[in-house]
Amino acid sequence: MTKLKTICFAVTTAALAGCAATPRHYDDESSRALNLARAGGVYDQDLRDSPDGTRSYRKGLLVSALNLASLATSLDAPLRHLNGTQTLLFNATDIMMTPDNPSARPSLMGWMPESLAANEDDAYDHYVAVVDEAITQAAKSMAIKVTKLTDVKTPEIDGNPLMLWSVTVERYGCADSNCIIAYNIQQPNHWKTPSYVIGREAASYNIAANHPEKYSRLVFRQSGHELTFPVDEFYGAVSAGMPPWIVMYFPPNTVIQDGEPLPYPVLYEQGQQLMFREPDHE
């Protein structure tokens, strides 16, 4: 039976190119975090529930690769067409060079109600506006200064620009352009919304996480050795400012909490940090 499930999973993964798998029924034996992640396209087997949520990612070479990728593409490695102060602002190459496995990279997943947009292009614009507003609200709630960089050319991912914000807040060590928010929204696809997504409509414009390159993401980065910015609080505040039909997934070692990276995956929904914890242990 286990072998059969593995084969079925592989076939399903190979068949899907742009959208998440067909909306599935809620699995009562899995956490809400895992149900939402699976519905959004994070369905590879490296991610799973564990009794306490801290062992929900398969340990092995992939976790090491995450750490090495983060180190090799840190804010100190400039993009080719940038220099000086711009290097620190725009050096978000780790957002563009991530592992193929959906569970190994930060992802935005959403099911925008069909009634909010006239078509896929309109849905893209609406997603961008929603994320910008959420960032603005989060900054206000945390008393930090953010500035969207609109007067410069940024890298593109599959034709859609990487959106960048600078962050200035001295108490967290964010000065001289060493803290940035980088996000990218991929072209939404007309799709169906799982019944357990809050605020849903049956039809939606979906941004999913399963494609190797065409997936949406939002990441905060702070350069330097002192990771003093409360990234977990910021992600929670951004999530709280988003509609209930958008969730944010982060793999191990990508969310900074109390100055240390969380060694386990988390998902944010409506401002809450959800762990991948078996329901019987929640």
Protein backbone atom coordinates (compact mmCIF):
# COMPACT_ATOMS: atom_id res chain seq x y z
CA MET A 1 0.00 0.00 0.00
CA THR A 2 2.84 2.40 0.85
CA LYS A 3 4.50 1.70 -2.50
CA LEU A 4 1.22 2.31 -4.32
CA LYS A 5 0.77 5.65 -2.56
CA THR A 6 4.28 6.67 -3.53
CA ILE A 7 3.67 5.83 -7.18
CA CYS A 8 0.38 7.73 -7.20
CA PHE A 9 2.06 10.73 -5.63
CA ALA A 10 4.82 10.73 -8.24
CA VAL A 11 2.35 10.52 -11.11
CA THR A 12 0.26 13.35 -9.69
CA THR A 13 3.31 15.53 -9.19
CA ALA A 14 4.53 14.98 -12.75
CA ALA A 15 1.13 15.76 -14.21
CA LEU A 16 0.76 19.15 -12.58
CA ALA A 17 2.51 22.18 -14.08
CA GLY A 18 0.86 25.43 -12.98
CA CYS A 19 -1.95 24.88 -10.50
CA ALA A 20 -2.20 23.09 -7.20
CA ALA A 21 -3.79 19.67 -7.12
CA THR A 22 -7.56 19.47 -7.44
CA PRO A 23 -9.10 20.83 -4.23
CA ARG A 24 -9.29 17.98 -1.81
CA HIS A 25 -11.43 17.22 1.20
CA TYR A 26 -10.12 18.21 4.59
CA ASP A 27 -8.05 15.42 6.12
CA ASP A 28 -9.01 15.16 9.78
CA GLU A 29 -5.88 13.11 10.45
CA SER A 30 -3.63 15.99 9.36
CA SER A 31 -3.07 19.43 10.87
CA ARG A 32 -4.77 22.50 9.42
CA ALA A 33 -1.31 23.70 8.40
CA LEU A 34 -0.69 20.55 6.37
CA ASN A 35 -4.17 20.64 4.82
CA LEU A 36 -3.63 24.23 3.64
CA ALA A 37 -0.10 23.54 2.44
CA ARG A 38 -1.21 20.50 0.45
CA ALA A 39 -4.12 22.43 -1.08
CA GLY A 40 -1.72 25.20 -2.06
CA GLY A 41 0.69 22.87 -3.84
CA VAL A 42 3.21 22.02 -1.10
CA TYR A 43 2.60 18.29 -1.31
CA ASP A 44 6.07 16.71 -1.53
CA GLN A 45 6.82 14.16 1.14
CA ASP A 46 9.59 16.10 2.89
CA LEU A 47 6.84 18.00 4.72
CA ARG A 48 4.66 16.10 7.18
CA ASP A 49 3.06 16.39 10.61
CA SER A 50 4.89 15.35 13.77
CA PRO A 51 3.68 14.95 17.37
CA ASP A 52 4.96 18.35 18.53
CA GLY A 53 5.48 20.08 15.18
CA THR A 54 9.24 20.41 15.59
CA ARG A 55 10.11 17.29 13.58
CA SER A 56 7.85 17.96 10.61
CA TYR A 57 10.56 18.15 7.99
CA ARG A 58 12.59 15.21 6.77
CA LYS A 59 16.17 15.65 7.95
CA GLY A 60 18.84 15.01 5.36
CA LEU A 61 20.72 16.61 2.54
CA LEU A 62 17.89 18.94 1.60
CA VAL A 63 17.93 20.73 4.95
CA SER A 64 21.68 21.19 4.63
CA ALA A 65 21.18 22.50 1.11
CA LEU A 66 18.78 25.10 2.46
CA ASN A 67 21.41 26.41 4.83
CA LEU A 68 24.12 26.40 2.15
CA ALA A 69 21.87 28.14 -0.36
CA SER A 70 21.04 30.83 2.16
CA LEU A 71 24.72 31.35 2.91
CA ALA A 72 25.85 31.36 -0.72
CA THR A 73 23.18 33.81 -1.84
CA SER A 74 23.20 36.13 1.16
CA LEU A 75 22.88 39.88 0.95
CA ASP A 76 26.65 40.20 0.57
CA ALA A 77 26.63 38.62 -2.92
CA PRO A 78 25.63 41.37 -5.38
CA LEU A 79 23.44 41.05 -8.42
CA ARG A 80 25.45 41.73 -11.55
CA HIS A 81 23.71 44.91 -12.67
CA LEU A 82 23.74 46.62 -9.25
CA ASN A 83 26.40 48.33 -7.22
CA GLY A 84 26.94 50.42 -4.11
CA THR A 85 23.92 50.95 -1.86
CA GLN A 86 21.63 49.31 -4.43
CA THR A 87 23.46 46.02 -3.95
CA LEU A 88 22.18 45.71 -0.39
CA LEU A 89 18.66 46.73 -1.36
CA PHE A 90 18.27 44.47 -4.35
CA ASN A 91 20.33 41.48 -3.41
CA ALA A 92 17.44 39.07 -3.00
CA THR A 93 18.90 36.34 -5.18
CA ASP A 94 17.98 33.65 -2.67
CA ILE A 95 14.34 34.40 -3.50
CA MET A 96 15.07 33.59 -7.15
CA MET A 97 17.41 30.62 -6.64
CA THR A 98 15.61 28.12 -4.45
CA PRO A 99 15.26 24.31 -4.35
CA ASP A 100 12.73 22.65 -6.63
CA ASN A 101 10.82 20.99 -3.79
CA PRO A 102 7.88 23.23 -2.77
CA SER A 103 8.41 22.40 0.91
CA ALA A 104 11.98 23.74 0.74
CA ARG A 105 11.09 27.35 -0.09
CA PRO A 106 8.92 30.19 1.23
CA SER A 107 5.64 30.46 -0.67
CA LEU A 108 2.54 32.60 -0.86
CA MET A 109 -0.59 30.63 -1.68
CA GLY A 110 -3.95 32.19 -2.37
CA TRP A 111 -7.47 31.67 -3.66
CA MET A 112 -8.76 35.12 -4.62
CA PRO A 113 -12.54 34.99 -5.04
CA GLU A 114 -13.50 35.15 -8.70
CA SER A 115 -15.84 38.06 -8.01
CA LEU A 116 -12.91 40.34 -7.11
CA ALA A 117 -11.30 40.35 -10.55
CA ALA A 118 -12.41 40.55 -14.16
CA ASN A 119 -9.65 38.28 -15.47
CA GLU A 120 -6.23 36.85 -14.60
CA ASP A 121 -4.38 40.11 -15.30
CA ASP A 122 -6.77 42.01 -13.07
CA ALA A 123 -6.33 39.31 -10.40
CA TYR A 124 -2.54 39.78 -10.55
CA ASP A 125 -2.89 43.52 -9.95
CA HIS A 126 -5.25 42.87 -7.08
CA TYR A 127 -2.85 40.41 -5.45
CA VAL A 128 -0.05 43.00 -5.65
CA ALA A 129 -2.29 45.64 -4.08
CA VAL A 130 -3.30 43.25 -1.30
CA VAL A 131 0.31 42.38 -0.43
CA ASP A 132 1.40 46.04 -0.52
CA GLU A 133 -1.41 47.00 1.83
CA ALA A 134 -0.57 44.13 4.19
CA ILE A 135 3.09 45.24 4.33
CA THR A 136 2.02 48.83 5.02
CA GLN A 137 -0.33 47.75 7.82
CA ALA A 138 2.30 45.48 9.35
CA ALA A 139 4.86 48.28 9.36
CA LYS A 140 2.40 50.63 11.02
CA SER A 141 1.49 48.11 13.71
CA MET A 142 5.17 47.46 14.48
CA ALA A 143 6.21 51.15 14.23
CA ILE A 144 8.78 50.53 11.51
CA LYS A 145 9.47 52.56 8.38
CA VAL A 146 9.08 50.84 5.01
CA THR A 147 9.51 52.29 1.54
CA LYS A 148 8.52 50.56 -1.68
CA LEU A 149 11.21 50.92 -4.35
CA THR A 150 9.38 52.02 -7.47
CA ASP A 151 11.96 54.15 -9.29
CA VAL A 152 14.38 51.40 -10.24
CA LYS A 153 14.40 48.32 -12.45
CA THR A 154 14.21 45.04 -10.54
CA PRO A 155 14.78 41.44 -11.65
CA GLU A 156 11.83 39.53 -13.08
CA ILE A 157 10.63 36.00 -12.45
CA ASP A 158 8.75 34.61 -15.46
CA GLY A 159 7.90 38.12 -16.61
CA ASN A 160 6.66 39.46 -13.29
CA PRO A 161 8.90 41.89 -11.39
CA LEU A 162 10.39 41.28 -7.99
CA MET A 163 8.84 43.86 -5.66
CA LEU A 164 11.23 45.35 -3.11
CA TRP A 165 10.75 47.40 0.03
CA SER A 166 13.47 48.88 2.21
CA VAL A 167 13.06 48.70 5.99
CA THR A 168 14.45 51.24 8.43
CA VAL A 169 14.25 50.72 12.19
CA GLU A 170 17.31 51.36 14.32
CA ARG A 171 16.19 49.36 17.36
CA TYR A 172 16.34 46.20 15.24
CA GLY A 173 19.58 47.06 13.47
CA CYS A 174 17.94 47.99 10.16
CA ALA A 175 19.86 50.91 8.71
CA ASP A 176 21.96 51.67 5.64
CA SER A 177 19.72 49.51 3.47
CA ASN A 178 20.59 46.20 5.12
CA CYS A 179 16.97 45.09 5.62
CA ILE A 180 14.62 44.39 2.74
CA ILE A 181 11.24 42.85 2.00
CA ALA A 182 11.12 41.09 -1.35
CA TYR A 183 8.07 39.50 -2.95
CA ASN A 184 6.92 38.21 -6.29
CA ILE A 185 3.40 37.36 -7.46
CA GLN A 186 3.02 34.91 -10.32
CA GLN A 187 0.19 35.11 -12.82
CA PRO A 188 -2.90 33.66 -11.11
CA ASN A 189 -4.78 30.75 -12.63
CA HIS A 190 -8.55 30.36 -12.72
CA TRP A 191 -9.18 27.54 -10.27
CA LYS A 192 -11.36 26.14 -7.48
CA THR A 193 -11.19 26.92 -3.79
CA PRO A 194 -11.01 24.20 -1.12
CA SER A 195 -14.07 24.26 1.10
CA TYR A 196 -11.97 24.81 4.23
CA VAL A 197 -10.27 28.01 3.04
CA ILE A 198 -11.81 30.84 5.05
CA GLY A 199 -13.72 33.47 3.07
CA ARG A 200 -13.90 31.27 0.03
CA GLU A 201 -15.94 31.30 -3.14
CA ALA A 202 -16.28 28.16 -5.23
CA ALA A 203 -14.29 29.69 -8.09
CA SER A 204 -11.09 31.64 -7.58
CA TYR A 205 -7.88 32.99 -9.05
CA ASN A 206 -5.23 30.77 -7.53
CA ILE A 207 -1.53 31.30 -6.87
CA ALA A 208 0.02 27.93 -6.04
CA ALA A 209 3.40 26.68 -4.83
CA ASN A 210 4.08 23.49 -6.76
CA HIS A 211 5.82 24.77 -9.90
CA PRO A 212 9.66 24.65 -9.77
CA GLU A 213 9.94 28.34 -10.76
CA LYS A 214 6.50 29.88 -11.19
CA TYR A 215 5.44 30.30 -7.60
CA SER A 216 4.71 33.36 -5.45
CA ARG A 217 6.75 34.31 -2.41
CA LEU A 218 7.39 36.94 0.25
CA VAL A 219 10.63 37.06 2.23
CA PHE A 220 12.25 39.43 4.75
CA ARG A 221 16.05 39.54 4.75
CA GLN A 222 18.50 41.20 7.15
CA SER A 223 22.18 41.23 6.30
CA GLY A 224 24.94 41.07 8.87
CA HIS A 225 25.75 38.75 11.76
CA GLU A 226 23.16 40.06 14.25
CA LEU A 227 19.69 38.86 13.29
CA THR A 228 17.79 41.18 15.61
CA PHE A 229 14.67 41.89 13.54
CA PRO A 230 11.60 39.94 14.81
CA VAL A 231 10.84 38.23 11.51
CA ASP A 232 8.20 35.95 13.02
CA GLU A 233 6.29 38.96 14.38
CA PHE A 234 6.55 40.70 11.01
CA TYR A 235 5.27 37.68 9.06
CA GLY A 236 2.42 37.35 11.51
CA ALA A 237 1.54 41.04 11.12
CA VAL A 238 1.65 40.78 7.32
CA SER A 239 -0.54 37.70 7.43
CA ALA A 240 -3.00 39.48 9.71
CA GLY A 241 -3.31 42.27 7.14
CA MET A 242 -4.05 39.86 4.31
CA PRO A 243 -7.47 38.48 3.35
CA PRO A 244 -8.29 35.08 4.85
CA TRP A 245 -7.82 33.43 1.43
CA ILE A 246 -4.04 33.97 1.46
CA VAL A 247 -1.62 31.85 3.51
CA MET A 248 2.18 31.97 3.83
CA TYR A 249 4.43 28.91 4.14
CA PHE A 250 8.04 28.94 5.39
CA PRO A 251 10.44 25.96 5.52
CA PRO A 252 12.91 25.31 8.37
CA ASN A 253 15.58 27.93 9.11
CA THR A 254 13.80 30.78 7.27
CA VAL A 255 11.84 32.40 10.12
CA ILE A 256 13.86 34.25 12.77
CA GLN A 257 12.33 34.18 16.24
CA ASP A 258 14.14 35.61 19.28
CA GLY A 259 17.28 35.99 17.19
CA GLU A 260 17.37 32.33 16.13
CA PRO A 261 16.03 30.57 13.01
CA LEU A 262 13.16 28.18 13.64
CA PRO A 263 14.41 24.67 12.75
CA TYR A 264 10.93 23.53 11.71
CA PRO A 265 8.37 24.61 9.07
CA VAL A 266 5.46 26.94 9.84
CA LEU A 267 2.45 28.37 8.03
CA TYR A 268 0.75 31.71 8.69
CA GLU A 269 -3.01 32.12 8.38
CA GLN A 270 -4.84 35.31 9.44
CA GLY A 271 -1.92 36.37 11.60
CA GLN A 272 -1.52 33.04 13.36
CA GLN A 273 1.63 30.93 13.14
CA LEU A 274 0.50 27.34 12.59
CA MET A 275 2.75 24.36 13.19
CA PHE A 276 2.62 21.04 11.42
CA ARG A 277 1.49 19.17 14.52
CA GLU A 278 -0.52 15.96 14.49
CA PRO A 279 -4.15 16.70 15.42
CA ASP A 280 -4.09 14.22 18.29
CA HIS A 281 -1.32 16.28 19.90
CA GLU A 282 -2.75 19.75 19.29
